[in-house]
């Protein structure tokens, strides 16, 4: 499995009010759009905007639990795409154990942004779903 390091570029809304998180290849020109739920979009956007809710959101609680039991979020990987559904894994570790947890991409990304953990996409996923913006066309 060849992994490509990614960064969250933005969370967007299409004309049908569907949310999409856009990942950008760190050392390249490809973008990976992943459709997500309203809840997932809000949880990611809160961190992008640097907002601190009065009470912890679900992903804040998840990260607190992970840290309380002595683990850290090593990375998240967008590891598969099948039937237009993206799949992700969260890698957790402590000094002696490593666990890979199956996850929805939105949950993995919301957790990664809170933990300042690297985000990766499998090259096969990038080949199937990434796009390159045409630099000759004006951006909207």
C-alpha atoms as a PDB file:
ATOM      1  CA  UNK A   1       0.000   0.000   0.000  1.00  0.00           C
ATOM      2  CA  UNK A   2       1.470   3.343  -1.073  1.00  0.00           C
ATOM      3  CA  UNK A   3       0.279   6.205   1.138  1.00  0.00           C
ATOM      4  CA  UNK A   4       0.015   9.826   0.057  1.00  0.00           C
ATOM      5  CA  UNK A   5       0.062  12.504   2.762  1.00  0.00           C
ATOM      6  CA  UNK A   6      -2.980  14.756   2.601  1.00  0.00           C
ATOM      7  CA  UNK A   7      -4.256  17.910   4.283  1.00  0.00           C
ATOM      8  CA  UNK A   8      -7.798  19.125   4.788  1.00  0.00           C
ATOM      9  CA  UNK A   9      -8.257  21.869   2.210  1.00  0.00           C
ATOM     10  CA  UNK A  10     -11.866  22.835   2.928  1.00  0.00           C
ATOM     11  CA  UNK A  11     -15.400  21.760   3.705  1.00  0.00           C
ATOM     12  CA  UNK A  12     -17.858  22.785   1.009  1.00  0.00           C
ATOM     13  CA  UNK A  13     -21.552  22.643   0.225  1.00  0.00           C
ATOM     14  CA  UNK A  14     -22.901  21.840  -3.229  1.00  0.00           C
ATOM     15  CA  UNK A  15     -26.109  23.387  -4.654  1.00  0.00           C
ATOM     16  CA  UNK A  16     -28.151  20.444  -3.280  1.00  0.00           C
ATOM     17  CA  UNK A  17     -26.863  21.322   0.226  1.00  0.00           C
ATOM     18  CA  UNK A  18     -24.689  18.185   0.394  1.00  0.00           C
ATOM     19  CA  UNK A  19     -21.426  18.507   2.329  1.00  0.00           C
ATOM     20  CA  UNK A  20     -18.049  17.485   0.965  1.00  0.00           C
ATOM     21  CA  UNK A  21     -14.630  17.613   2.598  1.00  0.00           C
ATOM     22  CA  UNK A  22     -11.801  18.309   0.183  1.00  0.00           C
ATOM     23  CA  UNK A  23      -8.411  16.769   0.934  1.00  0.00           C
ATOM     24  CA  UNK A  24      -5.347  18.035  -0.933  1.00  0.00           C
ATOM     25  CA  UNK A  25      -2.193  16.097  -1.623  1.00  0.00           C
ATOM     26  CA  UNK A  26       0.581  17.751   0.438  1.00  0.00           C
ATOM     27  CA  UNK A  27       3.286  17.351  -2.211  1.00  0.00           C
ATOM     28  CA  UNK A  28       1.156  17.364  -5.328  1.00  0.00           C
ATOM     29  CA  UNK A  29      -1.774  18.801  -7.215  1.00  0.00           C
ATOM     30  CA  UNK A  30      -4.467  16.192  -6.623  1.00  0.00           C
ATOM     31  CA  UNK A  31      -7.596  16.747  -4.545  1.00  0.00           C
ATOM     32  CA  UNK A  32      -9.764  14.064  -2.986  1.00  0.00           C
ATOM     33  CA  UNK A  33     -13.433  15.003  -2.473  1.00  0.00           C
ATOM     34  CA  UNK A  34     -15.298  12.928   0.125  1.00  0.00           C
ATOM     35  CA  UNK A  35     -19.044  13.392   0.686  1.00  0.00           C
ATOM     36  CA  UNK A  36     -19.884  13.566   4.393  1.00  0.00           C
ATOM     37  CA  UNK A  37     -22.829  14.117   6.711  1.00  0.00           C
ATOM     38  CA  UNK A  38     -23.887  17.502   8.069  1.00  0.00           C
ATOM     39  CA  UNK A  39     -22.679  16.439  11.542  1.00  0.00           C
ATOM     40  CA  UNK A  40     -19.271  15.381  10.203  1.00  0.00           C
ATOM     41  CA  UNK A  41     -18.930  18.612   8.236  1.00  0.00           C
ATOM     42  CA  UNK A  42     -19.760  20.703  11.293  1.00  0.00           C
ATOM     43  CA  UNK A  43     -17.293  18.815  13.494  1.00  0.00           C
ATOM     44  CA  UNK A  44     -14.471  19.311  10.991  1.00  0.00           C
ATOM     45  CA  UNK A  45     -15.353  22.942  10.249  1.00  0.00           C
ATOM     46  CA  UNK A  46     -15.371  23.875  13.961  1.00  0.00           C
ATOM     47  CA  UNK A  47     -11.694  22.863  14.164  1.00  0.00           C
ATOM     48  CA  UNK A  48     -10.741  24.519  10.879  1.00  0.00           C
ATOM     49  CA  UNK A  49     -12.267  27.766  12.180  1.00  0.00           C
ATOM     50  CA  UNK A  50     -10.538  27.400  15.571  1.00  0.00           C
ATOM     51  CA  UNK A  51     -13.828  27.566  17.453  1.00  0.00           C
ATOM     52  CA  UNK A  52     -14.133  26.224  20.998  1.00  0.00           C
ATOM     53  CA  UNK A  53     -17.660  25.011  21.785  1.00  0.00           C
ATOM     54  CA  UNK A  54     -18.943  25.508  25.325  1.00  0.00           C
ATOM     55  CA  UNK A  55     -19.231  21.728  25.753  1.00  0.00           C
ATOM     56  CA  UNK A  56     -17.108  19.068  24.030  1.00  0.00           C
ATOM     57  CA  UNK A  57     -18.385  17.657  20.747  1.00  0.00           C
ATOM     58  CA  UNK A  58     -18.418  13.917  20.108  1.00  0.00           C
ATOM     59  CA  UNK A  59     -14.957  13.903  18.512  1.00  0.00           C
ATOM     60  CA  UNK A  60     -13.529  15.934  21.406  1.00  0.00           C
ATOM     61  CA  UNK A  61     -14.860  13.280  23.788  1.00  0.00           C
ATOM     62  CA  UNK A  62     -13.400  10.508  21.599  1.00  0.00           C
ATOM     63  CA  UNK A  63      -9.968  12.119  21.730  1.00  0.00           C
ATOM     64  CA  UNK A  64     -10.217  12.632  25.499  1.00  0.00           C
ATOM     65  CA  UNK A  65     -11.039   8.931  25.951  1.00  0.00           C
ATOM     66  CA  UNK A  66      -8.138   7.889  23.709  1.00  0.00           C
ATOM     67  CA  UNK A  67      -5.701  10.033  25.696  1.00  0.00           C
ATOM     68  CA  UNK A  68      -7.160   9.004  29.076  1.00  0.00           C
ATOM     69  CA  UNK A  69      -6.470   5.323  28.371  1.00  0.00           C
ATOM     70  CA  UNK A  70      -2.904   6.126  27.320  1.00  0.00           C
ATOM     71  CA  UNK A  71      -3.139   6.063  23.524  1.00  0.00           C
ATOM     72  CA  UNK A  72      -2.514   8.589  20.791  1.00  0.00           C
ATOM     73  CA  UNK A  73      -3.844   8.966  17.264  1.00  0.00           C
ATOM     74  CA  UNK A  74      -0.874   8.107  15.046  1.00  0.00           C
ATOM     75  CA  UNK A  75      -2.639   8.790  11.749  1.00  0.00           C
ATOM     76  CA  UNK A  76      -5.762   8.275   9.725  1.00  0.00           C
ATOM     77  CA  UNK A  77      -5.850   6.643   6.310  1.00  0.00           C
ATOM     78  CA  UNK A  78      -8.459   6.922   3.575  1.00  0.00           C
ATOM     79  CA  UNK A  79      -7.886   3.290   2.686  1.00  0.00           C
ATOM     80  CA  UNK A  80     -10.616   2.160   0.303  1.00  0.00           C
ATOM     81  CA  UNK A  81     -13.347   3.210  -2.096  1.00  0.00           C
ATOM     82  CA  UNK A  82     -16.044   0.754  -3.104  1.00  0.00           C
ATOM     83  CA  UNK A  83     -19.433   1.463  -4.688  1.00  0.00           C
ATOM     84  CA  UNK A  84     -18.887   5.223  -4.232  1.00  0.00           C
ATOM     85  CA  UNK A  85     -18.346   4.746  -0.478  1.00  0.00           C
ATOM     86  CA  UNK A  86     -15.081   5.873   1.096  1.00  0.00           C
ATOM     87  CA  UNK A  87     -13.535   3.899   3.960  1.00  0.00           C
ATOM     88  CA  UNK A  88     -10.995   5.000   6.542  1.00  0.00           C
ATOM     89  CA  UNK A  89      -8.866   3.628   9.359  1.00  0.00           C
ATOM     90  CA  UNK A  90      -7.694   5.318  12.528  1.00  0.00           C
ATOM     91  CA  UNK A  91      -4.335   4.097  13.846  1.00  0.00           C
ATOM     92  CA  UNK A  92      -4.052   4.271  17.636  1.00  0.00           C
ATOM     93  CA  UNK A  93      -0.923   3.425  19.611  1.00  0.00           C
ATOM     94  CA  UNK A  94       0.721   3.522  22.992  1.00  0.00           C
ATOM     95  CA  UNK A  95       4.265   2.465  23.797  1.00  0.00           C
ATOM     96  CA  UNK A  96       3.611  -1.220  23.130  1.00  0.00           C
ATOM     97  CA  UNK A  97       0.395  -1.670  21.118  1.00  0.00           C
ATOM     98  CA  UNK A  98      -0.973  -0.532  17.764  1.00  0.00           C
ATOM     99  CA  UNK A  99      -4.618  -0.788  16.762  1.00  0.00           C
ATOM    100  CA  UNK A 100      -6.280   0.004  13.447  1.00  0.00           C
ATOM    101  CA  UNK A 101      -9.919   0.985  13.844  1.00  0.00           C
ATOM    102  CA  UNK A 102     -12.372   0.953  10.926  1.00  0.00           C
ATOM    103  CA  UNK A 103     -14.049   4.350  10.618  1.00  0.00           C
ATOM    104  CA  UNK A 104     -16.166   6.607   8.493  1.00  0.00           C
ATOM    105  CA  UNK A 105     -13.891   9.154   6.797  1.00  0.00           C
ATOM    106  CA  UNK A 106     -15.642  12.099   8.465  1.00  0.00           C
ATOM    107  CA  UNK A 107     -15.038  10.674  11.949  1.00  0.00           C
ATOM    108  CA  UNK A 108     -11.415   9.841  11.156  1.00  0.00           C
ATOM    109  CA  UNK A 109     -10.797  13.337   9.780  1.00  0.00           C
ATOM    110  CA  UNK A 110     -12.541  15.067  12.697  1.00  0.00           C
ATOM    111  CA  UNK A 111     -10.350  13.089  15.078  1.00  0.00           C
ATOM    112  CA  UNK A 112      -7.139  13.688  13.089  1.00  0.00           C
ATOM    113  CA  UNK A 113      -7.604  17.435  12.976  1.00  0.00           C
ATOM    114  CA  UNK A 114      -8.152  17.533  16.756  1.00  0.00           C
ATOM    115  CA  UNK A 115      -5.113  15.329  17.433  1.00  0.00           C
ATOM    116  CA  UNK A 116      -2.911  17.117  14.870  1.00  0.00           C
ATOM    117  CA  UNK A 117      -2.277  13.687  13.351  1.00  0.00           C
ATOM    118  CA  UNK A 118      -1.215  13.037   9.759  1.00  0.00           C
ATOM    119  CA  UNK A 119      -3.847  12.181   7.166  1.00  0.00           C
ATOM    120  CA  UNK A 120      -3.051   9.758   4.353  1.00  0.00           C
ATOM    121  CA  UNK A 121      -4.847   8.374   1.330  1.00  0.00           C
ATOM    122  CA  UNK A 122      -4.020   5.095  -0.334  1.00  0.00           C
ATOM    123  CA  UNK A 123      -2.692   5.620  -3.867  1.00  0.00           C
ATOM    124  CA  UNK A 124      -5.386   3.270  -5.224  1.00  0.00           C
ATOM    125  CA  UNK A 125      -8.076   5.537  -3.720  1.00  0.00           C
ATOM    126  CA  UNK A 126      -6.371   8.558  -5.259  1.00  0.00           C
ATOM    127  CA  UNK A 127      -6.310   6.863  -8.671  1.00  0.00           C
ATOM    128  CA  UNK A 128     -10.043   6.128  -8.418  1.00  0.00           C
ATOM    129  CA  UNK A 129     -11.349   9.391  -6.990  1.00  0.00           C
ATOM    130  CA  UNK A 130      -8.857  12.254  -7.032  1.00  0.00           C
ATOM    131  CA  UNK A 131      -9.176  15.251  -9.288  1.00  0.00           C
ATOM    132  CA  UNK A 132      -6.708  17.829 -10.586  1.00  0.00           C
ATOM    133  CA  UNK A 133      -8.001  21.352 -11.002  1.00  0.00           C
ATOM    134  CA  UNK A 134      -7.489  22.926 -14.396  1.00  0.00           C
ATOM    135  CA  UNK A 135      -5.193  25.880 -13.702  1.00  0.00           C
ATOM    136  CA  UNK A 136      -6.267  27.564 -16.980  1.00  0.00           C
ATOM    137  CA  UNK A 137      -9.835  28.018 -15.740  1.00  0.00           C
ATOM    138  CA  UNK A 138     -10.740  30.726 -13.212  1.00  0.00           C
ATOM    139  CA  UNK A 139     -11.670  29.382  -9.760  1.00  0.00           C
ATOM    140  CA  UNK A 140     -15.148  30.081  -8.440  1.00  0.00           C
END
